[in-house]
Amino acid sequence: MSERRLDYVFQELFGASIFKTLTNARLDHAYKALQTGQVSVKELSFRLGYKHASSFSRAFYLRFGVYPSQVGSR
């Protein structure tokens, strides 16, 4: 099965692409990690594979409607 076909079938079954599903899972993990307050936004963004903390913050905001820096203070 080609990569393109796999992504198509996955999206038909689960309603989102493989990439989007993995990204959402990473962001969900990040939210939980930030709630503990034991890791900085910058460190977490690099652990999750983002080259820039600003890219992580933007993706996080689009997913949850709040910035990562706001999670620990809630």
PDB file of N, CA and C in Angstrom:
ATOM      1  N   MET A   1       0.849  -1.166   0.000  1.00  0.00           N
ATOM      2  CA  MET A   1       0.000   0.000   0.000  1.00  0.00           C
ATOM      3  C   MET A   1       0.902   1.238   0.000  1.00  0.00           C
ATOM      4  N   SER A   2       0.579   2.174  -0.840  1.00  0.00           N
ATOM      5  CA  SER A   2       1.372   3.401  -0.927  1.00  0.00           C
ATOM      6  C   SER A   2       1.076   4.309   0.273  1.00  0.00           C
ATOM      7  N   GLU A   3       1.988   5.228   0.507  1.00  0.00           N
ATOM      8  CA  GLU A   3       1.816   6.189   1.598  1.00  0.00           C
ATOM      9  C   GLU A   3       0.556   7.025   1.383  1.00  0.00           C
ATOM     10  N   ARG A   4       0.342   7.408   0.156  1.00  0.00           N
ATOM     11  CA  ARG A   4      -0.829   8.223  -0.184  1.00  0.00           C
ATOM     12  C   ARG A   4      -2.133   7.462   0.084  1.00  0.00           C
ATOM     13  N   ARG A   5      -2.152   6.197  -0.305  1.00  0.00           N
ATOM     14  CA  ARG A   5      -3.341   5.366  -0.102  1.00  0.00           C
ATOM     15  C   ARG A   5      -3.589   5.127   1.396  1.00  0.00           C
ATOM     16  N   LEU A   6      -2.513   4.870   2.127  1.00  0.00           N
ATOM     17  CA  LEU A   6      -2.627   4.668   3.569  1.00  0.00           C
ATOM     18  C   LEU A   6      -3.232   5.900   4.241  1.00  0.00           C
ATOM     19  N   ASP A   7      -2.745   7.074   3.877  1.00  0.00           N
ATOM     20  CA  ASP A   7      -3.268   8.300   4.467  1.00  0.00           C
ATOM     21  C   ASP A   7      -4.743   8.490   4.107  1.00  0.00           C
ATOM     22  N   TYR A   8      -5.106   8.173   2.876  1.00  0.00           N
ATOM     23  CA  TYR A   8      -6.500   8.303   2.446  1.00  0.00           C
ATOM     24  C   TYR A   8      -7.408   7.376   3.254  1.00  0.00           C
ATOM     25  N   VAL A   9      -7.011   6.117   3.384  1.00  0.00           N
ATOM     26  CA  VAL A   9      -7.820   5.142   4.125  1.00  0.00           C
ATOM     27  C   VAL A   9      -7.911   5.542   5.600  1.00  0.00           C
ATOM     28  N   PHE A  10      -6.794   5.963   6.171  1.00  0.00           N
ATOM     29  CA  PHE A  10      -6.778   6.402   7.569  1.00  0.00           C
ATOM     30  C   PHE A  10      -7.742   7.564   7.771  1.00  0.00           C
ATOM     31  N   GLN A  11      -7.696   8.522   6.860  1.00  0.00           N
ATOM     32  CA  GLN A  11      -8.571   9.691   6.975  1.00  0.00           C
ATOM     33  C   GLN A  11     -10.037   9.303   6.824  1.00  0.00           C
ATOM     34  N   GLU A  12     -10.333   8.376   5.959  1.00  0.00           N
ATOM     35  CA  GLU A  12     -11.711   7.911   5.801  1.00  0.00           C
ATOM     36  C   GLU A  12     -12.209   7.229   7.079  1.00  0.00           C
ATOM     37  N   LEU A  13     -11.339   6.470   7.726  1.00  0.00           N
ATOM     38  CA  LEU A  13     -11.729   5.742   8.931  1.00  0.00           C
ATOM     39  C   LEU A  13     -11.823   6.631  10.172  1.00  0.00           C
ATOM     40  N   PHE A  14     -10.858   7.545  10.321  1.00  0.00           N
ATOM     41  CA  PHE A  14     -10.743   8.298  11.568  1.00  0.00           C
ATOM     42  C   PHE A  14     -11.064   9.784  11.445  1.00  0.00           C
ATOM     43  N   GLY A  15     -11.300  10.271  10.245  1.00  0.00           N
ATOM     44  CA  GLY A  15     -11.710  11.658  10.066  1.00  0.00           C
ATOM     45  C   GLY A  15     -10.594  12.678  10.086  1.00  0.00           C
ATOM     46  N   ALA A  16      -9.357  12.219  10.154  1.00  0.00           N
ATOM     47  CA  ALA A  16      -8.202  13.123  10.145  1.00  0.00           C
ATOM     48  C   ALA A  16      -7.009  12.368   9.571  1.00  0.00           C
ATOM     49  N   SER A  17      -6.070  13.111   9.029  1.00  0.00           N
ATOM     50  CA  SER A  17      -4.880  12.479   8.468  1.00  0.00           C
ATOM     51  C   SER A  17      -4.010  11.900   9.581  1.00  0.00           C
ATOM     52  N   ILE A  18      -3.099  11.034   9.204  1.00  0.00           N
ATOM     53  CA  ILE A  18      -2.165  10.460  10.169  1.00  0.00           C
ATOM     54  C   ILE A  18      -1.355  11.576  10.816  1.00  0.00           C
ATOM     55  N   PHE A  19      -0.876  12.507  10.015  1.00  0.00           N
ATOM     56  CA  PHE A  19      -0.075  13.616  10.533  1.00  0.00           C
ATOM     57  C   PHE A  19      -0.862  14.434  11.552  1.00  0.00           C
ATOM     58  N   LYS A  20      -2.097  14.760  11.232  1.00  0.00           N
ATOM     59  CA  LYS A  20      -2.930  15.558  12.138  1.00  0.00           C
ATOM     60  C   LYS A  20      -3.218  14.793  13.430  1.00  0.00           C
ATOM     61  N   THR A  21      -3.468  13.503  13.316  1.00  0.00           N
ATOM     62  CA  THR A  21      -3.728  12.676  14.492  1.00  0.00           C
ATOM     63  C   THR A  21      -2.514  12.630  15.409  1.00  0.00           C
ATOM     64  N   LEU A  22      -1.320  12.458  14.834  1.00  0.00           N
ATOM     65  CA  LEU A  22      -0.090  12.439  15.631  1.00  0.00           C
ATOM     66  C   LEU A  22       0.188  13.803  16.258  1.00  0.00           C
ATOM     67  N   THR A  23      -0.032  14.857  15.493  1.00  0.00           N
ATOM     68  CA  THR A  23       0.170  16.210  16.020  1.00  0.00           C
ATOM     69  C   THR A  23      -0.761  16.471  17.194  1.00  0.00           C
ATOM     70  N   ASN A  24      -2.018  16.093  17.059  1.00  0.00           N
ATOM     71  CA  ASN A  24      -2.978  16.284  18.150  1.00  0.00           C
ATOM     72  C   ASN A  24      -2.583  15.477  19.385  1.00  0.00           C
ATOM     73  N   ALA A  25      -2.099  14.260  19.181  1.00  0.00           N
ATOM     74  CA  ALA A  25      -1.660  13.436  20.313  1.00  0.00           C
ATOM     75  C   ALA A  25      -0.473  14.085  21.020  1.00  0.00           C
ATOM     76  N   ARG A  26       0.464  14.634  20.250  1.00  0.00           N
ATOM     77  CA  ARG A  26       1.613  15.326  20.844  1.00  0.00           C
ATOM     78  C   ARG A  26       1.163  16.550  21.637  1.00  0.00           C
ATOM     79  N   LEU A  27       0.243  17.304  21.068  1.00  0.00           N
ATOM     80  CA  LEU A  27      -0.243  18.503  21.752  1.00  0.00           C
ATOM     81  C   LEU A  27      -1.036  18.153  23.011  1.00  0.00           C
ATOM     82  N   ASP A  28      -1.791  17.063  22.970  1.00  0.00           N
ATOM     83  CA  ASP A  28      -2.504  16.610  24.167  1.00  0.00           C
ATOM     84  C   ASP A  28      -1.506  16.255  25.269  1.00  0.00           C
ATOM     85  N   HIS A  29      -0.432  15.567  24.889  1.00  0.00           N
ATOM     86  CA  HIS A  29       0.632  15.219  25.838  1.00  0.00           C
ATOM     87  C   HIS A  29       1.271  16.492  26.396  1.00  0.00           C
ATOM     88  N   ALA A  30       1.494  17.466  25.538  1.00  0.00           N
ATOM     89  CA  ALA A  30       2.105  18.728  25.964  1.00  0.00           C
ATOM     90  C   ALA A  30       1.217  19.444  26.974  1.00  0.00           C
ATOM     91  N   TYR A  31      -0.076  19.442  26.737  1.00  0.00           N
ATOM     92  CA  TYR A  31      -1.004  20.101  27.659  1.00  0.00           C
ATOM     93  C   TYR A  31      -0.883  19.490  29.056  1.00  0.00           C
ATOM     94  N   LYS A  32      -0.873  18.172  29.109  1.00  0.00           N
ATOM     95  CA  LYS A  32      -0.757  17.487  30.401  1.00  0.00           C
ATOM     96  C   LYS A  32       0.580  17.796  31.069  1.00  0.00           C
ATOM     97  N   ALA A  33       1.648  17.813  30.285  1.00  0.00           N
ATOM     98  CA  ALA A  33       2.974  18.109  30.839  1.00  0.00           C
ATOM     99  C   ALA A  33       3.037  19.533  31.377  1.00  0.00           C
ATOM    100  N   LEU A  34       2.418  20.462  30.689  1.00  0.00           N
ATOM    101  CA  LEU A  34       2.428  21.854  31.138  1.00  0.00           C
ATOM    102  C   LEU A  34       1.602  22.047  32.410  1.00  0.00           C
ATOM    103  N   GLN A  35       0.583  21.252  32.579  1.00  0.00           N
ATOM    104  CA  GLN A  35      -0.236  21.351  33.789  1.00  0.00           C
ATOM    105  C   GLN A  35       0.569  21.022  35.043  1.00  0.00           C
ATOM    106  N   THR A  36       1.563  20.159  34.906  1.00  0.00           N
ATOM    107  CA  THR A  36       2.389  19.798  36.062  1.00  0.00           C
ATOM    108  C   THR A  36       3.341  20.921  36.436  1.00  0.00           C
ATOM    109  N   GLY A  37       3.667  21.785  35.475  1.00  0.00           N
ATOM    110  CA  GLY A  37       4.562  22.904  35.728  1.00  0.00           C
ATOM    111  C   GLY A  37       6.022  22.520  35.859  1.00  0.00           C
ATOM    112  N   GLN A  38       6.374  21.308  35.479  1.00  0.00           N
ATOM    113  CA  GLN A  38       7.742  20.833  35.650  1.00  0.00           C
ATOM    114  C   GLN A  38       8.608  21.000  34.406  1.00  0.00           C
ATOM    115  N   VAL A  39       8.052  21.528  33.353  1.00  0.00           N
ATOM    116  CA  VAL A  39       8.813  21.687  32.111  1.00  0.00           C
ATOM    117  C   VAL A  39       8.461  23.034  31.490  1.00  0.00           C
ATOM    118  N   SER A  40       9.453  23.678  30.906  1.00  0.00           N
ATOM    119  CA  SER A  40       9.209  24.976  30.274  1.00  0.00           C
ATOM    120  C   SER A  40       8.608  24.780  28.884  1.00  0.00           C
ATOM    121  N   VAL A  41       7.980  25.817  28.397  1.00  0.00           N
ATOM    122  CA  VAL A  41       7.391  25.777  27.058  1.00  0.00           C
ATOM    123  C   VAL A  41       8.480  25.535  26.021  1.00  0.00           C
ATOM    124  N   LYS A  42       9.595  26.208  26.166  1.00  0.00           N
ATOM    125  CA  LYS A  42      10.689  26.060  25.200  1.00  0.00           C
ATOM    126  C   LYS A  42      11.226  24.632  25.191  1.00  0.00           C
ATOM    127  N   GLU A  43      11.485  24.087  26.363  1.00  0.00           N
ATOM    128  CA  GLU A  43      12.000  22.715  26.458  1.00  0.00           C
ATOM    129  C   GLU A  43      11.005  21.720  25.872  1.00  0.00           C
ATOM    130  N   LEU A  44       9.752  21.875  26.205  1.00  0.00           N
ATOM    131  CA  LEU A  44       8.720  20.969  25.712  1.00  0.00           C
ATOM    132  C   LEU A  44       8.583  21.056  24.199  1.00  0.00           C
ATOM    133  N   SER A  45       8.660  22.252  23.659  1.00  0.00           N
ATOM    134  CA  SER A  45       8.533  22.408  22.208  1.00  0.00           C
ATOM    135  C   SER A  45       9.646  21.662  21.483  1.00  0.00           C
ATOM    136  N   PHE A  46      10.852  21.721  22.006  1.00  0.00           N
ATOM    137  CA  PHE A  46      11.964  21.006  21.376  1.00  0.00           C
ATOM    138  C   PHE A  46      11.828  19.495  21.556  1.00  0.00           C
ATOM    139  N   ARG A  47      11.362  19.061  22.700  1.00  0.00           N
ATOM    140  CA  ARG A  47      11.145  17.625  22.932  1.00  0.00           C
ATOM    141  C   ARG A  47      10.125  17.048  21.958  1.00  0.00           C
ATOM    142  N   LEU A  48       9.161  17.869  21.576  1.00  0.00           N
ATOM    143  CA  LEU A  48       8.109  17.407  20.668  1.00  0.00           C
ATOM    144  C   LEU A  48       8.468  17.572  19.198  1.00  0.00           C
ATOM    145  N   GLY A  49       9.679  18.065  18.933  1.00  0.00           N
ATOM    146  CA  GLY A  49      10.147  18.127  17.554  1.00  0.00           C
ATOM    147  C   GLY A  49       9.957  19.450  16.848  1.00  0.00           C
ATOM    148  N   TYR A  50       9.540  20.470  17.556  1.00  0.00           N
ATOM    149  CA  TYR A  50       9.401  21.793  16.947  1.00  0.00           C
ATOM    150  C   TYR A  50      10.757  22.488  16.963  1.00  0.00           C
ATOM    151  N   LYS A  51      11.118  23.117  15.862  1.00  0.00           N
ATOM    152  CA  LYS A  51      12.396  23.829  15.787  1.00  0.00           C
ATOM    153  C   LYS A  51      12.338  25.156  16.524  1.00  0.00           C
ATOM    154  N   HIS A  52      11.155  25.721  16.606  1.00  0.00           N
ATOM    155  CA  HIS A  52      10.977  27.025  17.250  1.00  0.00           C
ATOM    156  C   HIS A  52       9.807  26.952  18.228  1.00  0.00           C
ATOM    157  N   ALA A  53       9.998  27.527  19.395  1.00  0.00           N
ATOM    158  CA  ALA A  53       8.935  27.542  20.399  1.00  0.00           C
ATOM    159  C   ALA A  53       7.705  28.286  19.884  1.00  0.00           C
ATOM    160  N   SER A  54       7.918  29.269  19.015  1.00  0.00           N
ATOM    161  CA  SER A  54       6.782  30.027  18.478  1.00  0.00           C
ATOM    162  C   SER A  54       5.889  29.146  17.597  1.00  0.00           C
ATOM    163  N   SER A  55       6.484  28.211  16.871  1.00  0.00           N
ATOM    164  CA  SER A  55       5.693  27.285  16.051  1.00  0.00           C
ATOM    165  C   SER A  55       4.851  26.376  16.938  1.00  0.00           C
ATOM    166  N   PHE A  56       5.465  25.909  18.012  1.00  0.00           N
ATOM    167  CA  PHE A  56       4.744  25.091  18.984  1.00  0.00           C
ATOM    168  C   PHE A  56       3.596  25.887  19.605  1.00  0.00           C
ATOM    169  N   SER A  57       3.863  27.110  20.008  1.00  0.00           N
ATOM    170  CA  SER A  57       2.838  27.948  20.640  1.00  0.00           C
ATOM    171  C   SER A  57       1.662  28.188  19.709  1.00  0.00           C
ATOM    172  N   ARG A  58       1.951  28.414  18.438  1.00  0.00           N
ATOM    173  CA  ARG A  58       0.888  28.646  17.460  1.00  0.00           C
ATOM    174  C   ARG A  58       0.028  27.386  17.291  1.00  0.00           C
ATOM    175  N   ALA A  59       0.667  26.231  17.143  1.00  0.00           N
ATOM    176  CA  ALA A  59      -0.076  24.979  16.994  1.00  0.00           C
ATOM    177  C   ALA A  59      -0.897  24.683  18.248  1.00  0.00           C
ATOM    178  N   PHE A  60      -0.312  24.936  19.402  1.00  0.00           N
ATOM    179  CA  PHE A  60      -0.984  24.713  20.679  1.00  0.00           C
ATOM    180  C   PHE A  60      -2.223  25.605  20.785  1.00  0.00           C
ATOM    181  N   TYR A  61      -2.067  26.871  20.421  1.00  0.00           N
ATOM    182  CA  TYR A  61      -3.184  27.817  20.472  1.00  0.00           C
ATOM    183  C   TYR A  61      -4.314  27.392  19.526  1.00  0.00           C
ATOM    184  N   LEU A  62      -3.958  26.949  18.342  1.00  0.00           N
ATOM    185  CA  LEU A  62      -4.976  26.523  17.380  1.00  0.00           C
ATOM    186  C   LEU A  62      -5.737  25.297  17.885  1.00  0.00           C
ATOM    187  N   ARG A  63      -5.064  24.448  18.634  1.00  0.00           N
ATOM    188  CA  ARG A  63      -5.697  23.229  19.158  1.00  0.00           C
ATOM    189  C   ARG A  63      -6.578  23.513  20.380  1.00  0.00           C
ATOM    190  N   PHE A  64      -6.082  24.346  21.308  1.00  0.00           N
ATOM    191  CA  PHE A  64      -6.755  24.506  22.595  1.00  0.00           C
ATOM    192  C   PHE A  64      -7.373  25.882  22.843  1.00  0.00           C
ATOM    193  N   GLY A  65      -7.005  26.877  22.047  1.00  0.00           N
ATOM    194  CA  GLY A  65      -7.556  28.213  22.243  1.00  0.00           C
ATOM    195  C   GLY A  65      -6.887  29.012  23.346  1.00  0.00           C
ATOM    196  N   VAL A  66      -5.808  28.492  23.892  1.00  0.00           N
ATOM    197  CA  VAL A  66      -4.992  29.197  24.884  1.00  0.00           C
ATOM    198  C   VAL A  66      -3.527  28.968  24.526  1.00  0.00           C
ATOM    199  N   TYR A  67      -2.676  29.874  24.977  1.00  0.00           N
ATOM    200  CA  TYR A  67      -1.245  29.711  24.736  1.00  0.00           C
ATOM    201  C   TYR A  67      -0.645  28.799  25.800  1.00  0.00           C
ATOM    202  N   PRO A  68       0.424  28.094  25.468  1.00  0.00           N
ATOM    203  CA  PRO A  68       1.040  27.183  26.435  1.00  0.00           C
ATOM    204  C   PRO A  68       1.406  27.862  27.753  1.00  0.00           C
ATOM    205  N   SER A  69       1.831  29.100  27.679  1.00  0.00           N
ATOM    206  CA  SER A  69       2.228  29.817  28.897  1.00  0.00           C
ATOM    207  C   SER A  69       1.046  30.071  29.831  1.00  0.00           C
ATOM    208  N   GLN A  70      -0.172  29.972  29.314  1.00  0.00           N
ATOM    209  CA  GLN A  70      -1.364  30.198  30.125  1.00  0.00           C
ATOM    210  C   GLN A  70      -1.832  28.938  30.853  1.00  0.00           C
ATOM    211  N   VAL A  71      -1.345  27.788  30.453  1.00  0.00           N
ATOM    212  CA  VAL A  71      -1.847  26.532  31.012  1.00  0.00           C
ATOM    213  C   VAL A  71      -1.425  26.347  32.460  1.00  0.00           C
ATOM    214  N   GLY A  72      -0.185  26.598  32.773  1.00  0.00           N
ATOM    215  CA  GLY A  72       0.285  26.413  34.138  1.00  0.00           C
ATOM    216  C   GLY A  72      -0.354  27.363  35.124  1.00  0.00           C
ATOM    217  N   SER A  73      -0.796  28.511  34.639  1.00  0.00           N
ATOM    218  CA  SER A  73      -1.365  29.527  35.531  1.00  0.00           C
ATOM    219  C   SER A  73      -2.872  29.395  35.708  1.00  0.00           C
ATOM    220  N   ARG A  74      -3.466  28.400  35.095  1.00  0.00           N
ATOM    221  CA  ARG A  74      -4.921  28.231  35.196  1.00  0.00           C
ATOM    222  C   ARG A  74      -5.300  27.541  36.470  1.00  0.00           C
TER     223      ARG A  74
END
